Amino acid sequence: MSQFSQQDIKSNKIKFQDITDAFNSYWQTRDPMAKGSGYKPFKRWENYWKSYVNQDGYLPSKAFLWQTLQDKNQMSSARSTKAVSNWQPMGPFSHTNTGSWSSGQGRVNVLVVDPNNPNTYYVGAPAGGIWKSTDAGQTWTPLSDQLGQIGVSGIAVDYNNSNTIYIATGDDDAGDTYSIGVWKSTDGGITWNATGLDPNNSPDSLTDLHINPTNSNMLWVASAD
């Protein structure tokens, strides 16, 4: 390690990799477990600073670190002056909190807005199926109570025909329900039919579902399996 002066290291004239290479070369013929050898302190230094190495391989200077802090503070200050987002809860609100957790309040895996009607929403629940709102979330109607499996993790509405809806079934997060494939409705969710990805060949977990924006006959579905 004597080939590098402390001043050179502190002034960032030596690349980080050169320093660690020299250190490893030095210890090839020495016992790193010797008490007070300095091996462990260097390894702690190396582990801390390796994430700070810039694209040229050098450690940042103190001036750079100081300026980075100033830039961060300036961005934080700019963000704090922006208008506060106005979020409104959409419900439903029928459950009662009976303990340390909100019992009765289920998870939602996906929310999709009808591309042809901004007041029509669809949500998919891990074990609660697909729900539809036609009044921007004020009221909701279940659409999949008659399906053999009512977990929904993906929803896609045909931009050419809002009555055509696809759902990727199952729970993609905690596995509360298994997938039975991708199902299709042509009457706005009143009835559903299996597609080519059905209970016989579907992975256990489907996730995202999207329609090609230039060809509504082409769909993409992702699987966690």
Protein backbone atom coordinates (compact mmCIF):
# COMPACT_ATOMS: atom_id res chain seq x y z
CA MET A 1 0.00 0.00 0.00
CA SER A 2 3.00 2.32 0.30
CA GLN A 3 2.88 3.01 -3.45
CA PHE A 4 -0.02 5.42 -2.82
CA SER A 5 0.27 8.39 -0.51
CA GLN A 6 -2.61 9.37 1.72
CA GLN A 7 -2.66 12.73 -0.02
CA ASP A 8 -3.11 11.09 -3.43
CA ILE A 9 -5.96 8.95 -2.13
CA LYS A 10 -7.70 11.87 -0.43
CA SER A 11 -7.32 14.08 -3.51
CA ASN A 12 -8.90 11.36 -5.67
CA LYS A 13 -5.92 11.00 -8.00
CA ILE A 14 -6.04 7.21 -7.63
CA LYS A 15 -8.85 5.06 -8.94
CA PHE A 16 -10.80 3.09 -6.39
CA GLN A 17 -10.07 -0.20 -8.16
CA ASP A 18 -6.33 0.52 -8.15
CA ILE A 19 -6.46 1.02 -4.38
CA THR A 20 -8.33 -2.22 -3.74
CA ASP A 21 -6.10 -4.15 -6.18
CA ALA A 22 -3.00 -2.93 -4.37
CA PHE A 23 -4.53 -3.87 -1.03
CA ASN A 24 -5.41 -7.39 -2.20
CA SER A 25 -1.93 -7.83 -3.69
CA TYR A 26 -0.35 -6.76 -0.40
CA TRP A 27 -2.33 -9.34 1.57
CA GLN A 28 -1.55 -12.26 -0.69
CA THR A 29 1.54 -13.04 1.41
CA ARG A 30 0.27 -11.86 4.77
CA ASP A 31 -2.15 -13.05 7.43
CA PRO A 32 -5.32 -10.94 7.29
CA MET A 33 -6.47 -12.37 10.62
CA ALA A 34 -3.53 -10.98 12.52
CA LYS A 35 -4.75 -8.74 15.33
CA GLY A 36 -4.34 -5.04 14.61
CA SER A 37 -3.20 -5.65 11.04
CA GLY A 38 -5.59 -3.10 9.53
CA TYR A 39 -7.24 -5.63 7.23
CA LYS A 40 -10.74 -5.32 8.68
CA PRO A 41 -10.78 -1.50 8.86
CA PHE A 42 -9.84 -1.31 5.18
CA LYS A 43 -12.55 -3.80 4.23
CA ARG A 44 -15.09 -1.69 6.09
CA TRP A 45 -13.82 1.38 4.21
CA GLU A 46 -14.01 -0.50 0.91
CA ASN A 47 -17.54 -1.74 1.54
CA TYR A 48 -18.75 1.75 2.46
CA TRP A 49 -17.19 3.67 -0.42
CA LYS A 50 -17.70 1.21 -3.30
CA SER A 51 -21.17 2.57 -3.90
CA TYR A 52 -19.83 6.11 -4.31
CA VAL A 53 -17.41 5.41 -7.16
CA ASN A 54 -18.19 7.59 -10.19
CA GLN A 55 -18.36 6.43 -13.81
CA ASP A 56 -14.65 7.16 -14.28
CA GLY A 57 -13.68 4.92 -11.38
CA TYR A 58 -12.75 7.62 -8.87
CA LEU A 59 -14.18 8.39 -5.48
CA PRO A 60 -16.09 11.69 -5.25
CA SER A 61 -14.31 14.69 -3.81
CA LYS A 62 -15.57 16.40 -0.68
CA ALA A 63 -16.54 19.40 -2.83
CA PHE A 64 -18.66 17.13 -5.03
CA LEU A 65 -20.36 15.54 -2.02
CA TRP A 66 -21.08 18.97 -0.55
CA GLN A 67 -22.57 20.22 -3.81
CA THR A 68 -24.67 17.07 -4.10
CA LEU A 69 -26.14 17.81 -0.68
CA GLN A 70 -26.93 21.38 -1.72
CA ASP A 71 -28.62 20.16 -4.90
CA LYS A 72 -30.70 17.66 -2.90
CA ASN A 73 -31.81 20.33 -0.45
CA GLN A 74 -32.73 22.64 -3.32
CA MET A 75 -34.85 19.95 -4.99
CA SER A 76 -36.56 19.17 -1.69
CA SER A 77 -37.35 22.83 -1.24
CA ALA A 78 -38.74 23.06 -4.78
CA ARG A 79 -40.97 20.06 -4.22
CA SER A 80 -42.34 21.52 -1.02
CA THR A 81 -43.59 24.59 -2.89
CA LYS A 82 -45.65 22.58 -5.38
CA ALA A 83 -49.40 22.29 -5.04
CA VAL A 84 -50.50 19.52 -2.72
CA SER A 85 -52.28 16.66 -4.50
CA ASN A 86 -55.98 16.47 -3.80
CA TRP A 87 -56.85 12.80 -3.21
CA GLN A 88 -60.42 11.75 -2.51
CA PRO A 89 -61.43 8.30 -1.17
CA MET A 90 -63.81 6.50 -3.53
CA GLY A 91 -65.13 3.81 -1.18
CA PRO A 92 -66.93 1.61 -0.48
CA PHE A 93 -67.01 2.51 3.21
CA SER A 94 -69.30 -0.12 4.71
CA HIS A 95 -66.67 -1.90 6.83
CA THR A 96 -65.90 -1.18 10.49
CA ASN A 97 -62.42 -1.22 11.95
CA THR A 98 -62.72 -3.76 14.75
CA GLY A 99 -59.14 -3.99 15.96
CA SER A 100 -55.53 -3.19 15.14
CA TRP A 101 -56.13 -3.84 11.45
CA SER A 102 -58.93 -2.80 9.08
CA SER A 103 -60.97 -5.97 9.03
CA GLY A 104 -63.32 -6.21 6.08
CA GLN A 105 -61.23 -3.95 3.89
CA GLY A 106 -59.89 -6.11 1.06
CA ARG A 107 -56.96 -5.67 -1.29
CA VAL A 108 -57.22 -4.45 -4.87
CA ASN A 109 -54.83 -5.84 -7.49
CA VAL A 110 -55.68 -3.69 -10.48
CA LEU A 111 -57.74 -0.67 -11.53
CA VAL A 112 -58.55 0.18 -15.16
CA VAL A 113 -60.52 3.09 -16.62
CA ASP A 114 -62.63 2.45 -19.71
CA PRO A 115 -60.67 4.07 -22.59
CA ASN A 116 -63.98 5.28 -24.06
CA ASN A 117 -65.67 6.48 -20.88
CA PRO A 118 -63.69 8.17 -18.07
CA ASN A 119 -66.54 7.57 -15.60
CA THR A 120 -66.40 3.79 -15.96
CA TYR A 121 -63.92 2.01 -13.71
CA TYR A 122 -63.02 -1.66 -13.31
CA VAL A 123 -61.16 -3.07 -10.30
CA GLY A 124 -59.84 -6.58 -9.74
CA ALA A 125 -59.52 -8.11 -6.27
CA PRO A 126 -57.33 -11.05 -5.16
CA ALA A 127 -60.34 -13.16 -4.16
CA GLY A 128 -63.23 -10.80 -4.82
CA GLY A 129 -63.45 -10.82 -8.60
CA ILE A 130 -63.95 -7.89 -10.96
CA TRP A 131 -66.12 -4.93 -10.01
CA LYS A 132 -67.51 -2.18 -12.24
CA SER A 133 -68.46 1.43 -11.53
CA THR A 134 -70.25 3.61 -14.09
CA ASP A 135 -70.34 6.73 -11.91
CA ALA A 136 -66.64 7.39 -11.31
CA GLY A 137 -66.39 5.13 -8.28
CA GLN A 138 -69.48 6.17 -6.33
CA THR A 139 -71.18 2.78 -6.64
CA TRP A 140 -69.88 -0.66 -7.65
CA THR A 141 -71.35 -3.82 -9.16
CA PRO A 142 -69.69 -7.28 -9.02
CA LEU A 143 -69.28 -8.91 -12.44
CA SER A 144 -67.73 -12.31 -11.76
CA ASP A 145 -69.72 -13.97 -8.98
CA GLN A 146 -70.66 -16.82 -11.31
CA LEU A 147 -67.09 -17.67 -12.32
CA GLY A 148 -65.45 -20.73 -10.80
CA GLN A 149 -62.52 -18.58 -9.69
CA ILE A 150 -62.97 -14.93 -8.80
CA GLY A 151 -59.45 -13.69 -8.19
CA VAL A 152 -58.51 -11.00 -10.76
CA SER A 153 -55.08 -9.46 -11.28
CA GLY A 154 -55.31 -8.06 -14.80
CA ILE A 155 -58.04 -6.22 -16.72
CA ALA A 156 -58.06 -4.95 -20.30
CA VAL A 157 -60.91 -3.09 -22.06
CA ASP A 158 -61.01 -3.08 -25.86
CA TYR A 159 -60.57 0.51 -27.05
CA ASN A 160 -62.70 -0.29 -30.14
CA ASN A 161 -65.59 -1.73 -28.13
CA SER A 162 -66.03 -1.13 -24.42
CA ASN A 163 -68.29 -4.16 -24.13
CA THR A 164 -65.28 -6.39 -24.80
CA ILE A 165 -63.35 -6.96 -21.58
CA TYR A 166 -60.59 -9.43 -20.69
CA ILE A 167 -59.53 -10.49 -17.21
CA ALA A 168 -56.42 -12.36 -16.05
CA THR A 169 -57.67 -14.50 -13.18
CA GLY A 170 -56.03 -15.39 -9.87
CA ASP A 171 -54.05 -13.44 -7.28
CA ASP A 172 -50.61 -12.33 -8.46
CA ASP A 173 -49.48 -11.16 -5.03
CA ALA A 174 -50.19 -13.42 -2.07
CA GLY A 175 -51.57 -16.37 -4.02
CA ASP A 176 -54.98 -16.19 -2.35
CA THR A 177 -56.52 -17.67 -5.52
CA TYR A 178 -55.13 -19.65 -8.45
CA SER A 179 -55.48 -18.61 -12.06
CA ILE A 180 -57.92 -20.31 -14.43
CA GLY A 181 -56.61 -18.36 -17.40
CA VAL A 182 -57.78 -15.32 -19.33
CA TRP A 183 -61.54 -14.86 -19.66
CA LYS A 184 -63.45 -12.65 -22.09
CA SER A 185 -66.75 -10.82 -21.95
CA THR A 186 -68.47 -9.29 -24.98
CA ASP A 187 -71.43 -7.83 -23.09
CA GLY A 188 -69.73 -5.47 -20.68
CA GLY A 189 -69.01 -8.09 -18.02
CA ILE A 190 -72.43 -9.69 -17.70
CA THR A 191 -71.22 -13.08 -18.98
CA TRP A 192 -67.74 -14.55 -19.38
CA ASN A 193 -66.17 -17.18 -21.64
CA ALA A 194 -62.79 -18.91 -21.50
CA THR A 195 -60.13 -17.98 -24.05
CA GLY A 196 -57.28 -20.09 -25.42
CA LEU A 197 -55.55 -19.68 -22.05
CA ASP A 198 -57.97 -21.71 -19.97
CA PRO A 199 -58.04 -23.77 -16.73
CA ASN A 200 -56.31 -26.67 -18.50
CA ASN A 201 -53.18 -24.81 -19.60
CA SER A 202 -52.95 -21.63 -17.53
CA PRO A 203 -50.05 -20.95 -15.16
CA ASP A 204 -51.02 -20.74 -11.50
CA SER A 205 -50.41 -17.00 -11.38
CA LEU A 206 -51.17 -14.39 -14.07
CA THR A 207 -50.30 -10.74 -13.54
CA ASP A 208 -50.57 -7.89 -16.08
CA LEU A 209 -52.87 -8.00 -19.11
CA HIS A 210 -52.66 -5.51 -21.99
CA ILE A 211 -54.20 -5.03 -25.43
CA ASN A 212 -52.00 -3.99 -28.37
CA PRO A 213 -52.87 -0.29 -28.95
CA THR A 214 -52.77 -0.78 -32.73
CA ASN A 215 -54.35 -4.25 -32.94
CA SER A 216 -57.07 -5.11 -30.45
CA ASN A 217 -56.94 -8.78 -31.44
CA MET A 218 -53.46 -9.03 -29.91
CA LEU A 219 -53.10 -9.34 -26.15
CA TRP A 220 -50.14 -9.67 -23.83
CA VAL A 221 -50.43 -11.44 -20.50
CA ALA A 222 -47.64 -11.83 -17.93
CA SER A 223 -47.18 -14.70 -15.54
CA ALA A 224 -45.35 -14.88 -12.22
CA ASP A 225 -44.66 -18.61 -12.71
